[in-house]
Amino acid sequence: MSLIPGGRHRGKSPSTLRRDLATCERQMLSLIAALDQLTAERNTLERQLDEAGIALSGTRRDLRVARQETARVQAALTATRARLANATAVSDLQQHITTQPIPAMQRFETGRVIRLGASPLAGHDPSHVPPAA
């Protein structure tokens, strides 16, 4: 830029303005391409965020179910341990078990007496097997 007589500045020439305009257009096109790329990346990130939210929701549900199952198994384990402790506890059995007298066997006290010597097998050697006929 140069000074015109009288102290005023002279404006840019038309060719300089065209060059500046072309430079601005190139920068604008570059910025539009960058905006398009950033918009696509933002859309990808939003989709991934939605998928992560869905996965998180499913994981929380799975965790809730697992905690309920763990509580159920722990309650069953506690009950089993209590039964086992009661079953293996050392105590006076007379307090817990009522017994009845065993009836006496009557078959040896009544009826005729059978002597083993009268058995048909009493005189035979058990190691000797007669030949098959």
N, C-alpha and C. Protein backbone atom coordinates (compact mmCIF):
# COMPACT_ATOMS: atom_id res chain seq x y z
N MET A 1 0.84 -1.17 0.00
CA MET A 1 0.00 0.00 0.00
C MET A 1 0.89 1.24 0.00
N SER A 2 0.42 2.12 -0.67
CA SER A 2 1.21 3.35 -0.75
C SER A 2 0.34 4.54 -0.37
N LEU A 3 1.00 5.57 -0.04
CA LEU A 3 0.29 6.78 0.36
C LEU A 3 0.01 7.63 -0.87
N ILE A 4 -1.17 8.13 -0.92
CA ILE A 4 -1.54 9.08 -1.96
C ILE A 4 -1.19 10.47 -1.43
N PRO A 5 -0.89 11.42 -2.33
CA PRO A 5 -0.64 12.77 -1.82
C PRO A 5 -1.82 13.25 -1.00
N GLY A 6 -1.56 13.78 0.12
CA GLY A 6 -2.60 14.27 1.02
C GLY A 6 -2.73 13.35 2.22
N GLY A 7 -1.94 12.23 2.31
CA GLY A 7 -1.90 11.37 3.48
C GLY A 7 -2.91 10.24 3.48
N ARG A 8 -3.62 10.03 2.42
CA ARG A 8 -4.59 8.93 2.41
C ARG A 8 -3.96 7.68 1.85
N HIS A 9 -4.45 6.53 2.30
CA HIS A 9 -3.93 5.24 1.81
C HIS A 9 -4.69 4.84 0.56
N ARG A 10 -3.99 4.27 -0.33
CA ARG A 10 -4.63 3.76 -1.52
C ARG A 10 -5.07 2.33 -1.24
N GLY A 11 -6.22 1.87 -1.71
CA GLY A 11 -6.74 0.53 -1.48
C GLY A 11 -6.00 -0.50 -2.30
N LYS A 12 -6.35 -1.80 -2.07
CA LYS A 12 -5.71 -2.90 -2.78
C LYS A 12 -6.14 -2.88 -4.24
N SER A 13 -5.27 -3.37 -5.04
CA SER A 13 -5.57 -3.44 -6.47
C SER A 13 -6.53 -4.60 -6.71
N PRO A 14 -7.26 -4.59 -7.82
CA PRO A 14 -8.19 -5.69 -8.11
C PRO A 14 -7.48 -7.05 -8.19
N SER A 15 -6.31 -7.13 -8.70
CA SER A 15 -5.61 -8.43 -8.78
C SER A 15 -5.25 -8.93 -7.38
N THR A 16 -4.85 -8.03 -6.48
CA THR A 16 -4.56 -8.42 -5.11
C THR A 16 -5.82 -8.90 -4.42
N LEU A 17 -6.93 -8.20 -4.66
CA LEU A 17 -8.21 -8.60 -4.06
C LEU A 17 -8.63 -9.98 -4.58
N ARG A 18 -8.40 -10.25 -5.88
CA ARG A 18 -8.75 -11.56 -6.44
C ARG A 18 -7.89 -12.66 -5.80
N ARG A 19 -6.62 -12.38 -5.62
CA ARG A 19 -5.72 -13.35 -4.97
C ARG A 19 -6.18 -13.61 -3.54
N ASP A 20 -6.49 -12.57 -2.81
CA ASP A 20 -6.97 -12.73 -1.42
C ASP A 20 -8.29 -13.50 -1.38
N LEU A 21 -9.18 -13.21 -2.34
CA LEU A 21 -10.46 -13.91 -2.41
C LEU A 21 -10.24 -15.39 -2.70
N ALA A 22 -9.34 -15.71 -3.60
CA ALA A 22 -9.05 -17.12 -3.92
C ALA A 22 -8.46 -17.83 -2.70
N THR A 23 -7.58 -17.14 -1.98
CA THR A 23 -7.00 -17.71 -0.76
C THR A 23 -8.09 -17.98 0.27
N CYS A 24 -9.00 -17.04 0.43
CA CYS A 24 -10.11 -17.21 1.39
C CYS A 24 -11.03 -18.35 0.96
N GLU A 25 -11.27 -18.49 -0.34
CA GLU A 25 -12.11 -19.59 -0.83
C GLU A 25 -11.45 -20.94 -0.54
N ARG A 26 -10.11 -21.03 -0.77
CA ARG A 26 -9.41 -22.28 -0.47
C ARG A 26 -9.48 -22.61 1.02
N GLN A 27 -9.31 -21.61 1.86
CA GLN A 27 -9.40 -21.83 3.31
C GLN A 27 -10.81 -22.25 3.70
N MET A 28 -11.82 -21.63 3.06
CA MET A 28 -13.21 -21.99 3.37
C MET A 28 -13.48 -23.43 2.97
N LEU A 29 -13.02 -23.84 1.78
CA LEU A 29 -13.22 -25.23 1.35
C LEU A 29 -12.50 -26.20 2.29
N SER A 30 -11.32 -25.84 2.73
CA SER A 30 -10.58 -26.67 3.68
C SER A 30 -11.33 -26.78 5.00
N LEU A 31 -11.87 -25.65 5.45
CA LEU A 31 -12.64 -25.65 6.70
C LEU A 31 -13.93 -26.45 6.57
N ILE A 32 -14.58 -26.38 5.40
CA ILE A 32 -15.81 -27.17 5.19
C ILE A 32 -15.48 -28.66 5.21
N ALA A 33 -14.36 -29.05 4.58
CA ALA A 33 -13.96 -30.47 4.60
C ALA A 33 -13.65 -30.92 6.03
N ALA A 34 -12.95 -30.06 6.79
CA ALA A 34 -12.65 -30.39 8.19
C ALA A 34 -13.94 -30.49 9.00
N LEU A 35 -14.90 -29.61 8.75
CA LEU A 35 -16.19 -29.66 9.45
C LEU A 35 -16.92 -30.94 9.14
N ASP A 36 -16.92 -31.33 7.85
CA ASP A 36 -17.57 -32.60 7.48
C ASP A 36 -16.91 -33.78 8.18
N GLN A 37 -15.59 -33.78 8.23
CA GLN A 37 -14.88 -34.87 8.91
C GLN A 37 -15.20 -34.88 10.40
N LEU A 38 -15.20 -33.73 11.04
CA LEU A 38 -15.51 -33.65 12.47
C LEU A 38 -16.96 -34.04 12.75
N THR A 39 -17.87 -33.68 11.85
CA THR A 39 -19.28 -34.08 12.00
C THR A 39 -19.41 -35.60 11.92
N ALA A 40 -18.71 -36.22 10.98
CA ALA A 40 -18.75 -37.68 10.86
C ALA A 40 -18.17 -38.34 12.11
N GLU A 41 -17.06 -37.80 12.62
CA GLU A 41 -16.47 -38.34 13.84
C GLU A 41 -17.41 -38.19 15.03
N ARG A 42 -18.09 -37.03 15.12
CA ARG A 42 -19.04 -36.81 16.20
C ARG A 42 -20.19 -37.81 16.11
N ASN A 43 -20.69 -38.06 14.90
CA ASN A 43 -21.77 -39.04 14.73
C ASN A 43 -21.31 -40.44 15.14
N THR A 44 -20.08 -40.78 14.78
CA THR A 44 -19.53 -42.08 15.18
C THR A 44 -19.43 -42.18 16.70
N LEU A 45 -18.94 -41.11 17.32
CA LEU A 45 -18.80 -41.11 18.78
C LEU A 45 -20.16 -41.18 19.47
N GLU A 46 -21.15 -40.49 18.91
CA GLU A 46 -22.51 -40.55 19.50
C GLU A 46 -23.07 -41.96 19.39
N ARG A 47 -22.85 -42.63 18.23
CA ARG A 47 -23.32 -44.00 18.07
C ARG A 47 -22.63 -44.94 19.07
N GLN A 48 -21.31 -44.76 19.22
CA GLN A 48 -20.57 -45.58 20.18
C GLN A 48 -21.04 -45.31 21.61
N LEU A 49 -21.37 -44.06 21.91
CA LEU A 49 -21.88 -43.73 23.24
C LEU A 49 -23.23 -44.40 23.48
N ASP A 50 -24.10 -44.39 22.47
CA ASP A 50 -25.39 -45.07 22.61
C ASP A 50 -25.20 -46.56 22.82
N GLU A 51 -24.29 -47.18 22.06
CA GLU A 51 -24.03 -48.61 22.21
C GLU A 51 -23.45 -48.91 23.59
N ALA A 52 -22.56 -48.03 24.06
CA ALA A 52 -21.98 -48.23 25.40
C ALA A 52 -23.05 -48.09 26.48
N GLY A 53 -23.97 -47.16 26.28
CA GLY A 53 -25.07 -47.00 27.25
C GLY A 53 -25.94 -48.24 27.31
N ILE A 54 -26.22 -48.81 26.14
CA ILE A 54 -27.03 -50.04 26.10
C ILE A 54 -26.28 -51.19 26.77
N ALA A 55 -24.98 -51.30 26.47
CA ALA A 55 -24.16 -52.35 27.09
C ALA A 55 -24.08 -52.16 28.60
N LEU A 56 -23.96 -50.91 29.04
CA LEU A 56 -23.91 -50.63 30.47
C LEU A 56 -25.22 -51.02 31.14
N SER A 57 -26.32 -50.72 30.49
CA SER A 57 -27.62 -51.10 31.05
C SER A 57 -27.73 -52.61 31.19
N GLY A 58 -27.31 -53.35 30.14
CA GLY A 58 -27.34 -54.82 30.21
C GLY A 58 -26.41 -55.35 31.29
N THR A 59 -25.24 -54.72 31.42
CA THR A 59 -24.28 -55.16 32.44
C THR A 59 -24.82 -54.90 33.83
N ARG A 60 -25.47 -53.77 34.02
CA ARG A 60 -26.08 -53.49 35.34
C ARG A 60 -27.16 -54.52 35.66
N ARG A 61 -27.97 -54.88 34.66
CA ARG A 61 -29.01 -55.89 34.88
C ARG A 61 -28.37 -57.22 35.22
N ASP A 62 -27.32 -57.60 34.46
CA ASP A 62 -26.61 -58.85 34.75
C ASP A 62 -26.02 -58.84 36.16
N LEU A 63 -25.47 -57.69 36.56
CA LEU A 63 -24.89 -57.57 37.90
C LEU A 63 -25.97 -57.71 38.96
N ARG A 64 -27.13 -57.12 38.73
CA ARG A 64 -28.23 -57.21 39.69
C ARG A 64 -28.68 -58.67 39.83
N VAL A 65 -28.81 -59.36 38.69
CA VAL A 65 -29.22 -60.78 38.73
C VAL A 65 -28.15 -61.61 39.43
N ALA A 66 -26.87 -61.33 39.14
CA ALA A 66 -25.78 -62.08 39.77
C ALA A 66 -25.76 -61.85 41.27
N ARG A 67 -26.02 -60.62 41.70
CA ARG A 67 -26.06 -60.34 43.15
C ARG A 67 -27.22 -61.08 43.81
N GLN A 68 -28.38 -61.13 43.14
CA GLN A 68 -29.51 -61.87 43.69
C GLN A 68 -29.19 -63.35 43.79
N GLU A 69 -28.56 -63.90 42.76
CA GLU A 69 -28.19 -65.32 42.77
C GLU A 69 -27.15 -65.58 43.86
N THR A 70 -26.20 -64.67 44.02
CA THR A 70 -25.19 -64.82 45.07
C THR A 70 -25.84 -64.81 46.45
N ALA A 71 -26.80 -63.91 46.66
CA ALA A 71 -27.49 -63.86 47.95
C ALA A 71 -28.26 -65.15 48.20
N ARG A 72 -28.89 -65.70 47.14
CA ARG A 72 -29.65 -66.94 47.28
C ARG A 72 -28.71 -68.10 47.62
N VAL A 73 -27.57 -68.17 46.93
CA VAL A 73 -26.62 -69.25 47.18
C VAL A 73 -26.00 -69.11 48.57
N GLN A 74 -25.72 -67.89 48.99
CA GLN A 74 -25.16 -67.69 50.33
C GLN A 74 -26.16 -68.10 51.40
N ALA A 75 -27.45 -67.80 51.19
CA ALA A 75 -28.46 -68.22 52.15
C ALA A 75 -28.55 -69.75 52.21
N ALA A 76 -28.50 -70.39 51.04
CA ALA A 76 -28.54 -71.85 51.01
C ALA A 76 -27.30 -72.44 51.67
N LEU A 77 -26.15 -71.83 51.43
CA LEU A 77 -24.91 -72.31 52.04
C LEU A 77 -24.96 -72.15 53.56
N THR A 78 -25.49 -71.04 54.03
CA THR A 78 -25.62 -70.83 55.47
C THR A 78 -26.54 -71.88 56.09
N ALA A 79 -27.65 -72.16 55.41
CA ALA A 79 -28.57 -73.19 55.92
C ALA A 79 -27.91 -74.56 55.91
N THR A 80 -27.16 -74.87 54.86
CA THR A 80 -26.46 -76.16 54.79
C THR A 80 -25.41 -76.27 55.89
N ARG A 81 -24.67 -75.20 56.11
CA ARG A 81 -23.68 -75.21 57.19
C ARG A 81 -24.34 -75.40 58.55
N ALA A 82 -25.49 -74.78 58.74
CA ALA A 82 -26.19 -74.94 60.02
C ALA A 82 -26.64 -76.39 60.19
N ARG A 83 -27.19 -76.99 59.12
CA ARG A 83 -27.62 -78.40 59.21
C ARG A 83 -26.42 -79.30 59.47
N LEU A 84 -25.30 -79.04 58.80
CA LEU A 84 -24.11 -79.83 59.00
C LEU A 84 -23.57 -79.68 60.41
N ALA A 85 -23.59 -78.47 60.93
CA ALA A 85 -23.14 -78.25 62.31
C ALA A 85 -24.04 -78.99 63.29
N ASN A 86 -25.33 -79.01 63.04
CA ASN A 86 -26.25 -79.73 63.91
C ASN A 86 -26.04 -81.24 63.79
N ALA A 87 -25.75 -81.70 62.58
CA ALA A 87 -25.59 -83.13 62.37
C ALA A 87 -24.29 -83.65 62.99
N THR A 88 -23.27 -82.84 63.02
CA THR A 88 -21.98 -83.28 63.53
C THR A 88 -21.71 -82.82 64.97
N ALA A 89 -22.69 -82.21 65.57
CA ALA A 89 -22.51 -81.71 66.94
C ALA A 89 -22.41 -82.89 67.91
N VAL A 90 -21.56 -82.75 68.91
CA VAL A 90 -21.42 -83.77 69.94
C VAL A 90 -22.44 -83.46 71.02
N SER A 91 -23.33 -84.41 71.26
CA SER A 91 -24.36 -84.18 72.28
C SER A 91 -24.78 -85.52 72.87
N ASP A 92 -25.58 -85.47 73.88
CA ASP A 92 -26.11 -86.67 74.51
C ASP A 92 -27.21 -87.22 73.62
N LEU A 93 -26.99 -88.41 73.06
CA LEU A 93 -27.97 -88.96 72.13
C LEU A 93 -29.29 -89.31 72.81
N GLN A 94 -29.27 -89.57 74.12
CA GLN A 94 -30.49 -89.91 74.81
C GLN A 94 -31.50 -88.77 74.77
N GLN A 95 -31.03 -87.57 74.63
CA GLN A 95 -31.96 -86.44 74.55
C GLN A 95 -32.68 -86.41 73.21
N HIS A 96 -32.03 -86.92 72.16
CA HIS A 96 -32.58 -86.78 70.83
C HIS A 96 -33.22 -88.04 70.29
N ILE A 97 -32.74 -89.21 70.74
CA ILE A 97 -33.20 -90.46 70.15
C ILE A 97 -33.93 -91.27 71.22
N THR A 98 -35.12 -91.69 70.87
CA THR A 98 -35.84 -92.60 71.77
C THR A 98 -35.72 -94.00 71.17
N THR A 99 -35.30 -94.95 71.98
CA THR A 99 -35.12 -96.31 71.49
C THR A 99 -36.19 -97.20 72.09
N GLN A 100 -36.44 -98.27 71.38
CA GLN A 100 -37.38 -99.28 71.88
C GLN A 100 -36.58 -100.56 72.07
N PRO A 101 -36.98 -101.37 73.01
CA PRO A 101 -36.24 -102.61 73.23
C PRO A 101 -36.36 -103.53 72.02
N ILE A 102 -35.29 -104.25 71.75
CA ILE A 102 -35.29 -105.19 70.63
C ILE A 102 -36.02 -106.44 71.08
N PRO A 103 -36.99 -106.90 70.30
CA PRO A 103 -37.72 -108.11 70.72
C PRO A 103 -36.80 -109.33 70.65
N ALA A 104 -36.97 -110.22 71.60
CA ALA A 104 -36.15 -111.44 71.66
C ALA A 104 -36.54 -112.35 70.51
N MET A 105 -35.56 -113.04 69.97
CA MET A 105 -35.82 -113.94 68.87
C MET A 105 -36.43 -115.23 69.41
N GLN A 106 -37.53 -115.59 68.89
CA GLN A 106 -38.25 -116.74 69.39
C GLN A 106 -37.96 -118.03 68.62
N ARG A 107 -37.38 -117.96 67.48
CA ARG A 107 -37.25 -119.14 66.65
C ARG A 107 -36.29 -120.18 67.22
N PHE A 108 -35.31 -119.73 68.01
CA PHE A 108 -34.39 -120.70 68.58
C PHE A 108 -34.93 -121.30 69.88
N GLU A 109 -35.95 -120.69 70.41
CA GLU A 109 -36.47 -121.18 71.69
C GLU A 109 -37.67 -122.10 71.51
N THR A 110 -38.30 -122.09 70.38
CA THR A 110 -39.48 -122.93 70.17
C THR A 110 -39.25 -123.84 68.98
N GLY A 111 -40.00 -124.85 68.88
CA GLY A 111 -39.90 -125.77 67.76
C GLY A 111 -38.87 -126.85 68.01
N ARG A 112 -38.76 -127.78 67.09
CA ARG A 112 -37.85 -128.89 67.28
C ARG A 112 -36.42 -128.47 66.99
N VAL A 113 -35.51 -129.11 67.62
CA VAL A 113 -34.09 -128.80 67.49
C VAL A 113 -33.55 -129.58 66.32
N ILE A 114 -32.84 -128.93 65.45
CA ILE A 114 -32.25 -129.59 64.28
C ILE A 114 -30.76 -129.71 64.55
N ARG A 115 -30.26 -130.93 64.43
CA ARG A 115 -28.85 -131.15 64.66
C ARG A 115 -28.11 -131.06 63.33
N LEU A 116 -26.98 -130.42 63.33
CA LEU A 116 -26.23 -130.29 62.10
C LEU A 116 -25.67 -131.62 61.63
N GLY A 117 -25.46 -132.50 62.56
CA GLY A 117 -24.95 -133.82 62.17
C GLY A 117 -25.95 -134.58 61.35
N ALA A 118 -27.22 -134.27 61.43
CA ALA A 118 -28.24 -134.97 60.70
C ALA A 118 -28.40 -134.43 59.29
N SER A 119 -27.67 -133.42 58.94
CA SER A 119 -27.79 -132.83 57.62
C SER A 119 -27.19 -133.77 56.58
N PRO A 120 -27.77 -133.84 55.39
CA PRO A 120 -27.20 -134.71 54.36
C PRO A 120 -25.82 -134.27 53.91
N LEU A 121 -25.44 -133.03 54.16
CA LEU A 121 -24.13 -132.52 53.77
C LEU A 121 -23.12 -132.59 54.90
N ALA A 122 -23.50 -133.14 56.06
CA ALA A 122 -22.62 -133.11 57.22
C ALA A 122 -21.39 -133.98 57.04
N GLY A 123 -21.43 -135.05 56.32
CA GLY A 123 -20.30 -135.93 56.20
C GLY A 123 -19.48 -135.73 54.95
N HIS A 124 -19.74 -134.78 54.14
CA HIS A 124 -19.05 -134.59 52.87
C HIS A 124 -17.97 -133.53 52.97
N ASP A 125 -16.93 -133.72 52.15
CA ASP A 125 -15.84 -132.74 52.08
C ASP A 125 -16.25 -131.64 51.10
N PRO A 126 -16.28 -130.37 51.55
CA PRO A 126 -16.74 -129.31 50.65
C PRO A 126 -15.77 -129.06 49.49
N SER A 127 -14.50 -129.48 49.61
CA SER A 127 -13.55 -129.25 48.53
C SER A 127 -13.69 -130.29 47.43
N HIS A 128 -14.32 -131.42 47.74
CA HIS A 128 -14.50 -132.49 46.74
C HIS A 128 -15.82 -132.29 46.02
N VAL A 129 -15.74 -132.17 44.69
CA VAL A 129 -16.95 -132.02 43.87
C VAL A 129 -17.10 -133.29 43.08
N PRO A 130 -18.24 -133.97 43.19
CA PRO A 130 -18.41 -135.20 42.43
C PRO A 130 -18.45 -134.92 40.94
N PRO A 131 -17.99 -135.89 40.12
CA PRO A 131 -18.01 -135.66 38.65
C PRO A 131 -19.44 -135.57 38.16
N ALA A 132 -19.59 -134.78 37.11
CA ALA A 132 -20.92 -134.60 36.53
C ALA A 132 -21.30 -135.86 35.76
N ALA A 133 -22.55 -136.25 35.88
CA ALA A 133 -23.01 -137.46 35.24
C ALA A 133 -23.51 -137.20 33.84
